[in-house]
């Protein structure tokens, strides 16, 4: 093996093992955004359509993963990812292990956490002293952060960084427990029961949303965070036999764990969609001069975001299968892939071990040929 090939391999691996702040995967975030869209009043829809770039026609799904994309690409139109790392802690909050509750004074110091971000950007979205682009950015962050907060492990334990350092075997593949909840429970459900058709799955979640009473629909961000913290304690760290996971052993989770938890995943998706829609309806109805007090308020710049969003969500809500969606041949799968060089790695692929394997092999082979 040449020294160049070795250095390149280490570089690729160093990219892959960087901890992720992703909440739901692309399917989950886009489902939440579309559910929220279905709940908008005309006033709220007109307001959002006015704020978002005109080519999006007010489509929230097209911006649902933007807050993740800016963290992972150094060729982003808005600048390298290091310019946006200040926003990374806003995707989550960590609570003391097995404390089973969220305390904003203890767990959100200086308002730098996901619950603080929701308060901040709810204010910024309607602040009279901010400009159009700052309002736009606030809306886009809200779409993503409401989704993130309803993935329970975004209010997870400090000890394992919300289970992003806790590895299990799920369906015989080694993954972090965090990624199981982000992505793989949903993908298992899609492939088993909905022919990998996300439109059919949306219809199912939409029906759940309409048929269930929703507690805390308004801007009770502390309660939303506390809900996630309690789910972490009461459900996530228990195996398919409802026994606490023994972290000193190899943990294998299969169909029983999926069956035990997929209902909770769908409940959280439904809650996130309805709450996000309700939040936008409230903000649209109460636009006024709002005082900006949280520290992260000064960290948002009025940068034109329009070139960084996907133009449509048709790539997700059509007859295309999930397998095809995550093919490296698709340039519309994630908004960032529509605006960076085709030689860059689609960030959606970084969410899957198979995608990661293909990326490593493809890049290493290409590099070997080149040298």
Protein backbone atom coordinates (compact mmCIF):
# COMPACT_ATOMS: atom_id res chain seq x y z
CA UNK A 1 0.00 0.00 0.00
CA UNK A 2 1.42 3.38 -0.98
CA UNK A 3 1.83 6.11 1.60
CA UNK A 4 -0.57 8.32 -0.38
CA UNK A 5 -3.24 5.62 -0.32
CA UNK A 6 -2.77 5.11 3.43
CA UNK A 7 -3.05 8.83 4.17
CA UNK A 8 -6.13 9.10 1.97
CA UNK A 9 -7.77 6.13 3.73
CA UNK A 10 -7.15 7.66 7.15
CA UNK A 11 -8.62 10.94 5.91
CA UNK A 12 -11.81 9.23 4.69
CA UNK A 13 -12.20 7.32 7.94
CA UNK A 14 -11.67 10.48 9.98
CA UNK A 15 -14.61 12.08 8.17
CA UNK A 16 -16.88 9.13 8.84
CA UNK A 17 -16.28 8.82 12.58
CA UNK A 18 -17.05 12.45 13.40
CA UNK A 19 -20.04 12.43 15.80
CA UNK A 20 -23.32 13.35 14.16
CA UNK A 21 -25.97 15.80 15.32
CA UNK A 22 -28.59 14.42 12.96
CA UNK A 23 -32.05 14.01 14.44
CA UNK A 24 -34.46 12.07 12.30
CA UNK A 25 -32.96 11.00 8.99
CA UNK A 26 -34.13 12.56 5.76
CA UNK A 27 -37.35 10.52 5.82
CA UNK A 28 -38.29 11.59 9.33
CA UNK A 29 -37.49 15.28 8.92
CA UNK A 30 -39.34 15.49 5.62
CA UNK A 31 -42.37 13.68 7.06
CA UNK A 32 -42.49 16.14 9.96
CA UNK A 33 -42.27 19.11 7.59
CA UNK A 34 -45.02 17.80 5.35
CA UNK A 35 -47.28 17.04 8.32
CA UNK A 36 -46.72 20.60 9.55
CA UNK A 37 -47.53 21.95 6.09
CA UNK A 38 -50.92 20.22 6.22
CA UNK A 39 -51.77 22.09 9.43
CA UNK A 40 -51.01 25.63 8.28
CA UNK A 41 -53.63 28.33 8.21
CA UNK A 42 -53.81 30.43 5.05
CA UNK A 43 -52.18 33.28 6.96
CA UNK A 44 -49.29 31.07 8.05
CA UNK A 45 -48.83 29.55 4.60
CA UNK A 46 -48.77 32.97 2.94
CA UNK A 47 -46.22 34.19 5.48
CA UNK A 48 -43.95 31.16 4.98
CA UNK A 49 -44.31 31.36 1.21
CA UNK A 50 -43.27 35.02 1.41
CA UNK A 51 -40.21 34.20 3.54
CA UNK A 52 -38.90 31.19 1.63
CA UNK A 53 -37.33 31.52 -1.83
CA UNK A 54 -40.02 31.86 -4.49
CA UNK A 55 -39.01 28.68 -6.31
CA UNK A 56 -40.01 26.62 -3.25
CA UNK A 57 -43.66 27.79 -3.27
CA UNK A 58 -43.72 27.70 0.52
CA UNK A 59 -42.61 24.06 0.64
CA UNK A 60 -41.29 23.27 4.14
CA UNK A 61 -40.08 19.80 3.15
CA UNK A 62 -37.49 21.35 0.85
CA UNK A 63 -35.72 23.00 3.80
CA UNK A 64 -36.19 20.28 6.41
CA UNK A 65 -32.58 19.03 6.49
CA UNK A 66 -30.75 22.28 5.76
CA UNK A 67 -29.67 22.77 9.39
CA UNK A 68 -27.80 19.46 9.20
CA UNK A 69 -26.35 20.01 5.74
CA UNK A 70 -24.50 23.19 6.70
CA UNK A 71 -22.55 21.24 9.34
CA UNK A 72 -21.12 18.62 7.04
CA UNK A 73 -19.89 20.19 3.81
CA UNK A 74 -16.82 22.34 3.35
CA UNK A 75 -17.96 23.27 -0.17
CA UNK A 76 -21.32 24.68 0.92
CA UNK A 77 -22.42 27.89 -0.89
CA UNK A 78 -22.75 29.60 2.48
CA UNK A 79 -19.16 28.80 3.36
CA UNK A 80 -17.22 25.91 4.92
CA UNK A 81 -18.90 23.86 7.60
CA UNK A 82 -16.61 25.33 10.28
CA UNK A 83 -18.46 28.64 9.85
CA UNK A 84 -21.63 26.96 11.11
CA UNK A 85 -20.27 24.84 13.96
CA UNK A 86 -21.64 27.36 16.45
CA UNK A 87 -25.07 25.88 15.65
CA UNK A 88 -24.11 22.27 16.44
CA UNK A 89 -25.03 22.41 20.18
CA UNK A 90 -28.45 23.78 19.22
CA UNK A 91 -29.54 20.38 17.87
CA UNK A 92 -29.78 18.68 21.27
CA UNK A 93 -29.59 18.90 25.03
CA UNK A 94 -27.93 16.39 27.33
CA UNK A 95 -29.39 15.49 30.71
CA UNK A 96 -27.74 13.66 33.63
CA UNK A 97 -27.87 9.90 33.14
CA UNK A 98 -31.13 8.40 34.40
CA UNK A 99 -32.31 11.70 35.86
CA UNK A 100 -35.33 11.37 33.57
CA UNK A 101 -36.26 15.04 33.43
CA UNK A 102 -35.20 18.24 31.73
CA UNK A 103 -34.18 21.28 33.76
CA UNK A 104 -33.38 24.32 31.57
CA UNK A 105 -31.24 25.93 34.28
CA UNK A 106 -29.13 22.79 34.64
CA UNK A 107 -29.25 21.42 31.09
CA UNK A 108 -29.35 24.53 28.89
CA UNK A 109 -26.65 26.83 30.18
CA UNK A 110 -26.77 30.26 28.52
CA UNK A 111 -29.68 28.95 26.43
CA UNK A 112 -27.28 26.98 24.24
CA UNK A 113 -29.32 23.85 23.59
CA UNK A 114 -32.22 22.78 21.43
CA UNK A 115 -34.91 24.11 23.74
CA UNK A 116 -33.12 27.46 23.97
CA UNK A 117 -32.80 27.49 20.17
CA UNK A 118 -36.54 27.01 19.76
CA UNK A 119 -37.23 29.95 22.06
CA UNK A 120 -34.65 32.07 20.29
CA UNK A 121 -35.72 31.39 16.72
CA UNK A 122 -39.41 31.66 17.57
CA UNK A 123 -38.63 35.22 18.64
CA UNK A 124 -36.37 35.96 15.70
CA UNK A 125 -38.90 34.70 13.16
CA UNK A 126 -41.26 37.56 13.96
CA UNK A 127 -38.91 40.24 15.32
CA UNK A 128 -39.62 43.58 13.66
CA UNK A 129 -35.99 44.71 13.96
CA UNK A 130 -34.65 41.82 11.83
CA UNK A 131 -34.65 41.65 8.05
CA UNK A 132 -36.25 39.24 5.61
CA UNK A 133 -33.27 36.90 5.35
CA UNK A 134 -32.91 36.66 9.13
CA UNK A 135 -36.60 35.78 9.38
CA UNK A 136 -36.09 33.19 6.66
CA UNK A 137 -33.18 31.61 8.50
CA UNK A 138 -35.18 31.46 11.72
CA UNK A 139 -38.03 29.64 9.97
CA UNK A 140 -35.65 27.10 8.46
CA UNK A 141 -33.97 26.39 11.79
CA UNK A 142 -37.37 25.93 13.45
CA UNK A 143 -38.46 23.36 10.87
CA UNK A 144 -35.43 21.25 11.70
CA UNK A 145 -35.16 21.77 15.44
CA UNK A 146 -38.78 20.88 16.19
CA UNK A 147 -38.14 17.62 14.36
CA UNK A 148 -34.89 17.02 16.22
CA UNK A 149 -36.45 17.59 19.62
CA UNK A 150 -39.05 14.88 19.04
CA UNK A 151 -36.33 12.29 18.42
CA UNK A 152 -36.04 11.40 22.11
CA UNK A 153 -32.28 10.90 22.13
CA UNK A 154 -31.83 14.60 21.37
CA UNK A 155 -32.63 14.97 25.05
CA UNK A 156 -30.51 11.97 25.95
CA UNK A 157 -27.87 11.12 28.51
CA UNK A 158 -24.65 13.07 28.95
CA UNK A 159 -22.68 9.89 29.55
CA UNK A 160 -23.01 8.52 26.02
CA UNK A 161 -23.80 11.77 24.17
CA UNK A 162 -27.41 10.87 23.49
CA UNK A 163 -26.48 7.25 22.61
CA UNK A 164 -24.19 8.40 19.80
CA UNK A 165 -21.36 6.59 21.63
CA UNK A 166 -23.45 3.54 22.51
CA UNK A 167 -23.12 0.76 19.92
CA UNK A 168 -25.54 -2.09 19.37
CA UNK A 169 -26.26 -4.64 16.66
CA UNK A 170 -29.59 -3.78 15.10
CA UNK A 171 -30.85 -6.32 12.57
CA UNK A 172 -27.32 -7.82 12.61
CA UNK A 173 -25.60 -4.54 11.70
CA UNK A 174 -23.45 -2.59 14.16
CA UNK A 175 -24.84 0.90 14.66
CA UNK A 176 -25.10 3.52 17.35
CA UNK A 177 -28.35 3.34 19.26
CA UNK A 178 -28.81 6.98 18.28
CA UNK A 179 -28.77 6.11 14.58
CA UNK A 180 -31.25 3.29 15.14
CA UNK A 181 -33.73 5.87 16.39
CA UNK A 182 -32.73 8.51 13.86
CA UNK A 183 -33.14 6.38 10.80
CA UNK A 184 -33.30 2.61 10.92
CA UNK A 185 -36.54 2.03 12.80
CA UNK A 186 -38.26 4.22 10.21
CA UNK A 187 -36.56 2.55 7.25
CA UNK A 188 -37.47 -0.89 8.58
CA UNK A 189 -41.11 0.20 8.83
CA UNK A 190 -41.03 1.64 5.31
CA UNK A 191 -39.59 -1.46 3.72
CA UNK A 192 -41.75 -3.95 5.61
CA UNK A 193 -45.16 -2.34 5.48
CA UNK A 194 -45.17 0.42 2.86
CA UNK A 195 -43.16 -1.02 -0.04
CA UNK A 196 -40.53 1.65 0.70
CA UNK A 197 -43.06 4.19 -0.54
CA UNK A 198 -42.84 7.34 1.57
CA UNK A 199 -46.13 8.75 0.27
CA UNK A 200 -47.99 5.73 1.65
CA UNK A 201 -46.17 6.13 4.94
CA UNK A 202 -47.03 9.81 5.09
CA UNK A 203 -50.73 8.95 4.67
CA UNK A 204 -50.45 6.56 7.62
CA UNK A 205 -48.77 9.10 9.91
CA UNK A 206 -51.18 11.82 8.78
CA UNK A 207 -54.14 9.63 9.81
CA UNK A 208 -52.53 9.07 13.20
CA UNK A 209 -52.09 12.79 13.63
CA UNK A 210 -55.74 13.53 12.88
CA UNK A 211 -57.07 10.80 15.16
CA UNK A 212 -55.07 11.51 18.30
CA UNK A 213 -55.46 14.22 20.90
CA UNK A 214 -52.28 16.23 21.20
CA UNK A 215 -51.04 17.49 24.56
CA UNK A 216 -48.94 20.65 24.80
CA UNK A 217 -49.53 21.78 21.20
CA UNK A 218 -48.42 25.34 21.82
CA UNK A 219 -44.97 26.75 22.51
CA UNK A 220 -44.29 24.60 25.58
CA UNK A 221 -40.74 23.79 24.55
CA UNK A 222 -39.71 22.78 28.06
CA UNK A 223 -42.49 20.20 28.21
CA UNK A 224 -41.59 18.86 24.76
CA UNK A 225 -37.99 18.41 25.91
CA UNK A 226 -39.07 16.78 29.15
CA UNK A 227 -41.20 14.31 27.16
CA UNK A 228 -38.17 13.19 25.19
CA UNK A 229 -36.07 12.86 28.34
CA UNK A 230 -38.67 10.61 29.93
CA UNK A 231 -38.97 8.41 26.83
CA UNK A 232 -35.20 7.89 26.93
CA UNK A 233 -35.42 6.64 30.51
CA UNK A 234 -38.58 4.59 30.20
CA UNK A 235 -38.17 2.93 26.82
CA UNK A 236 -35.06 3.33 24.71
CA UNK A 237 -32.46 1.56 26.87
CA UNK A 238 -34.59 -1.56 27.35
CA UNK A 239 -34.23 -4.52 25.02
CA UNK A 240 -36.94 -6.51 23.24
CA UNK A 241 -37.66 -8.38 26.48
CA UNK A 242 -38.03 -5.09 28.35
CA UNK A 243 -34.81 -5.76 30.24
CA UNK A 244 -32.24 -2.98 30.79
CA UNK A 245 -29.43 -3.18 28.26
CA UNK A 246 -26.18 -4.41 29.75
CA UNK A 247 -23.60 -2.07 28.28
CA UNK A 248 -20.77 -4.45 29.22
CA UNK A 249 -22.09 -7.08 26.79
CA UNK A 250 -22.60 -7.17 23.04
CA UNK A 251 -26.18 -6.01 22.57
CA UNK A 252 -28.18 -7.50 19.72
CA UNK A 253 -31.50 -5.88 18.90
CA UNK A 254 -33.78 -7.41 16.32
CA UNK A 255 -37.45 -7.61 15.47
CA UNK A 256 -38.64 -7.50 19.05
CA UNK A 257 -36.97 -4.13 19.68
CA UNK A 258 -38.40 -2.78 16.44
CA UNK A 259 -41.92 -3.95 17.31
CA UNK A 260 -41.64 -2.50 20.79
CA UNK A 261 -40.55 0.96 19.66
CA UNK A 262 -41.91 1.76 16.20
CA UNK A 263 -45.20 2.96 17.69
CA UNK A 264 -43.34 5.53 19.79
CA UNK A 265 -41.35 6.68 16.76
CA UNK A 266 -44.55 7.29 14.83
CA UNK A 267 -46.14 9.06 17.77
CA UNK A 268 -43.20 11.44 17.97
CA UNK A 269 -43.28 12.11 14.22
CA UNK A 270 -46.98 12.88 14.47
CA UNK A 271 -46.50 15.14 17.49
CA UNK A 272 -43.64 17.01 15.83
CA UNK A 273 -45.65 17.64 12.67
CA UNK A 274 -48.70 18.95 14.44
CA UNK A 275 -46.73 21.04 16.89
CA UNK A 276 -44.59 22.59 14.17
CA UNK A 277 -47.69 23.52 12.19
CA UNK A 278 -49.33 24.98 15.28
CA UNK A 279 -46.18 26.94 16.11
CA UNK A 280 -46.10 28.55 12.67
CA UNK A 281 -49.80 29.38 12.89
CA UNK A 282 -49.21 31.13 16.21
CA UNK A 283 -46.17 33.01 14.95
CA UNK A 284 -47.96 34.16 11.81
CA UNK A 285 -50.87 35.45 13.87
CA UNK A 286 -48.66 37.29 16.36
CA UNK A 287 -45.98 38.97 14.30
CA UNK A 288 -44.82 42.04 16.18
CA UNK A 289 -41.75 43.72 17.61
CA UNK A 290 -40.15 41.07 19.82
CA UNK A 291 -37.13 41.63 22.05
CA UNK A 292 -34.15 39.41 21.22
CA UNK A 293 -32.39 38.34 24.40
CA UNK A 294 -30.76 34.94 23.91
CA UNK A 295 -27.00 34.76 23.28
CA UNK A 296 -27.25 32.83 20.01
CA UNK A 297 -29.32 35.61 18.46
CA UNK A 298 -26.17 37.44 17.37
CA UNK A 299 -24.75 34.33 15.69
CA UNK A 300 -27.17 34.38 12.75
CA UNK A 301 -26.07 36.31 9.69
CA UNK A 302 -28.39 37.66 6.97
CA UNK A 303 -26.94 35.42 4.27
CA UNK A 304 -28.94 34.56 1.15
CA UNK A 305 -30.00 30.94 1.62
CA UNK A 306 -32.02 30.54 -1.56
CA UNK A 307 -29.43 28.59 -3.55
CA UNK A 308 -29.02 25.98 -0.82
CA UNK A 309 -32.53 24.54 -0.70
CA UNK A 310 -34.02 21.72 -2.71
CA UNK A 311 -36.53 23.02 -5.25
CA UNK A 312 -39.13 20.37 -4.45
CA UNK A 313 -39.87 17.43 -2.20
CA UNK A 314 -41.15 15.30 -5.06
CA UNK A 315 -38.02 13.17 -4.74
CA UNK A 316 -39.34 11.89 -1.42
CA UNK A 317 -43.10 11.83 -1.81
CA UNK A 318 -43.61 9.88 -5.00
CA UNK A 319 -43.45 6.29 -6.17
CA UNK A 320 -39.67 6.15 -5.83
CA UNK A 321 -38.40 3.58 -3.37
CA UNK A 322 -36.19 4.48 -0.43
CA UNK A 323 -33.42 2.39 -1.97
CA UNK A 324 -33.46 4.59 -5.06
CA UNK A 325 -33.63 7.75 -2.99
CA UNK A 326 -30.30 7.03 -1.36
CA UNK A 327 -28.56 6.05 -4.57
CA UNK A 328 -25.49 8.17 -5.28
CA UNK A 329 -26.96 8.68 -8.77
CA UNK A 330 -29.66 10.96 -7.38
CA UNK A 331 -28.63 14.61 -7.19
CA UNK A 332 -31.89 15.74 -5.60
CA UNK A 333 -31.97 13.47 -2.55
CA UNK A 334 -30.59 16.09 -0.19
CA UNK A 335 -30.71 19.80 -0.72
CA UNK A 336 -26.96 20.20 -0.39
CA UNK A 337 -26.30 17.85 -3.31
CA UNK A 338 -28.08 20.21 -5.67
CA UNK A 339 -25.60 22.99 -5.06
CA UNK A 340 -22.19 21.37 -4.58
CA UNK A 341 -19.89 19.68 -7.02
CA UNK A 342 -20.96 16.22 -8.13
CA UNK A 343 -17.58 14.97 -6.96
CA UNK A 344 -18.55 15.60 -3.34
CA UNK A 345 -19.99 12.85 -1.17
CA UNK A 346 -23.80 13.15 -0.69
CA UNK A 347 -24.26 13.60 3.03
CA UNK A 348 -27.34 11.37 3.05
CA UNK A 349 -25.04 8.44 2.32
CA UNK A 350 -23.08 9.16 5.48
CA UNK A 351 -26.13 8.09 7.48
CA UNK A 352 -25.90 4.46 6.37
CA UNK A 353 -23.18 1.91 6.89
CA UNK A 354 -23.82 0.51 3.39
CA UNK A 355 -23.61 3.97 1.87
CA UNK A 356 -20.42 4.62 3.79
CA UNK A 357 -18.93 1.34 2.55
CA UNK A 358 -19.73 2.19 -1.07
CA UNK A 359 -18.25 5.68 -0.65
CA UNK A 360 -15.02 4.37 0.85
CA UNK A 361 -14.59 1.71 -1.80
CA UNK A 362 -15.41 4.04 -4.68
CA UNK A 363 -13.10 6.80 -3.51
CA UNK A 364 -10.25 4.46 -2.63
CA UNK A 365 -10.46 2.69 -6.00
CA UNK A 366 -10.57 6.02 -7.82
CA UNK A 367 -7.59 7.30 -5.87
CA UNK A 368 -5.62 4.10 -6.51
CA UNK A 369 -6.23 4.41 -10.25
CA UNK A 370 -5.21 8.05 -10.17
CA UNK A 371 -1.88 7.33 -8.50
